[in-house]
Amino acid sequence: MARKCSKCGRGAIKGATRSHSNIKTKRRVFVNLQWQKVNGKKMKICTKCLKTLAKAK
């Protein structure tokens, strides 16, 4: 399953969860991807790109 934006290429980044005792545990923060038809093609696009496309119309 693709976890990158088809338009801009943005993908997951590294982050950390912090417990109550301030212990750091590594985790991945994924991009908010949505299925959308662009120019007749069905693509997975991040919401940042969707907002940019809506602004251009």
C-alpha atoms as a PDB file:
ATOM      1  CA  MET A   1       0.000   0.000   0.000  1.00  0.00           C
ATOM      2  CA  ALA A   2       1.421   3.356  -1.037  1.00  0.00           C
ATOM      3  CA  ARG A   3       1.981   5.784   1.811  1.00  0.00           C
ATOM      4  CA  LYS A   4       3.314   8.645  -0.287  1.00  0.00           C
ATOM      5  CA  CYS A   5       1.477  11.399  -2.075  1.00  0.00           C
ATOM      6  CA  SER A   6       1.283  10.736  -5.830  1.00  0.00           C
ATOM      7  CA  LYS A   7       1.536  14.446  -6.603  1.00  0.00           C
ATOM      8  CA  CYS A   8       4.204  15.907  -4.296  1.00  0.00           C
ATOM      9  CA  GLY A   9       5.894  12.752  -2.971  1.00  0.00           C
ATOM     10  CA  ARG A  10       5.437  13.578   0.714  1.00  0.00           C
ATOM     11  CA  GLY A  11       5.707  10.522   2.935  1.00  0.00           C
ATOM     12  CA  ALA A  12       5.933   9.474   6.564  1.00  0.00           C
ATOM     13  CA  ILE A  13       8.204  11.298   9.015  1.00  0.00           C
ATOM     14  CA  LYS A  14       9.740  10.191  12.298  1.00  0.00           C
ATOM     15  CA  GLY A  15       8.270  11.364  15.563  1.00  0.00           C
ATOM     16  CA  ALA A  16       8.224  10.441  19.201  1.00  0.00           C
ATOM     17  CA  THR A  17       5.544   9.654  21.737  1.00  0.00           C
ATOM     18  CA  ARG A  18       6.179  10.917  25.243  1.00  0.00           C
ATOM     19  CA  SER A  19       4.880   9.037  28.256  1.00  0.00           C
ATOM     20  CA  HIS A  20       3.906  10.613  31.565  1.00  0.00           C
ATOM     21  CA  SER A  21       7.422   9.856  32.850  1.00  0.00           C
ATOM     22  CA  ASN A  22       8.823  11.648  29.739  1.00  0.00           C
ATOM     23  CA  ILE A  23      10.225   8.448  28.159  1.00  0.00           C
ATOM     24  CA  LYS A  24      10.614   8.855  24.399  1.00  0.00           C
ATOM     25  CA  THR A  25       9.409   6.054  22.070  1.00  0.00           C
ATOM     26  CA  LYS A  26       9.970   6.346  18.320  1.00  0.00           C
ATOM     27  CA  ARG A  27       6.985   6.166  15.965  1.00  0.00           C
ATOM     28  CA  ARG A  28       6.065   7.103  12.398  1.00  0.00           C
ATOM     29  CA  VAL A  29       3.709   9.960  11.565  1.00  0.00           C
ATOM     30  CA  PHE A  30       1.898   9.313   8.286  1.00  0.00           C
ATOM     31  CA  VAL A  31       0.540  11.818   5.774  1.00  0.00           C
ATOM     32  CA  ASN A  32      -3.249  12.238   5.479  1.00  0.00           C
ATOM     33  CA  LEU A  33      -3.875  10.587   2.080  1.00  0.00           C
ATOM     34  CA  GLN A  34      -7.175  10.636   0.204  1.00  0.00           C
ATOM     35  CA  TRP A  35      -8.256   8.901  -3.021  1.00  0.00           C
ATOM     36  CA  GLN A  36      -9.069  11.580  -5.607  1.00  0.00           C
ATOM     37  CA  LYS A  37      -9.578  11.732  -9.377  1.00  0.00           C
ATOM     38  CA  VAL A  38      -7.178  14.201 -10.999  1.00  0.00           C
ATOM     39  CA  ASN A  39      -7.192  14.602 -14.783  1.00  0.00           C
ATOM     40  CA  GLY A  40      -9.137  11.333 -15.133  1.00  0.00           C
ATOM     41  CA  LYS A  41      -6.682   9.308 -13.012  1.00  0.00           C
ATOM     42  CA  LYS A  42      -7.460   7.971  -9.553  1.00  0.00           C
ATOM     43  CA  MET A  43      -4.566   8.916  -7.244  1.00  0.00           C
ATOM     44  CA  LYS A  44      -3.671   9.017  -3.569  1.00  0.00           C
ATOM     45  CA  ILE A  45      -3.139  12.707  -2.775  1.00  0.00           C
ATOM     46  CA  CYS A  46      -2.324  14.372   0.541  1.00  0.00           C
ATOM     47  CA  THR A  47      -4.818  16.911   1.886  1.00  0.00           C
ATOM     48  CA  LYS A  48      -2.272  19.711   1.459  1.00  0.00           C
ATOM     49  CA  CYS A  49      -2.272  19.074  -2.316  1.00  0.00           C
ATOM     50  CA  LEU A  50      -6.090  18.822  -2.337  1.00  0.00           C
ATOM     51  CA  LYS A  51      -6.336  22.282  -0.797  1.00  0.00           C
ATOM     52  CA  THR A  52      -3.889  23.640  -3.374  1.00  0.00           C
ATOM     53  CA  LEU A  53      -5.897  22.069  -6.217  1.00  0.00           C
ATOM     54  CA  ALA A  54      -9.120  23.559  -4.851  1.00  0.00           C
ATOM     55  CA  LYS A  55      -7.479  26.989  -4.656  1.00  0.00           C
ATOM     56  CA  ALA A  56      -6.369  26.794  -8.309  1.00  0.00           C
ATOM     57  CA  LYS A  57      -9.946  26.208  -9.555  1.00  0.00           C
END
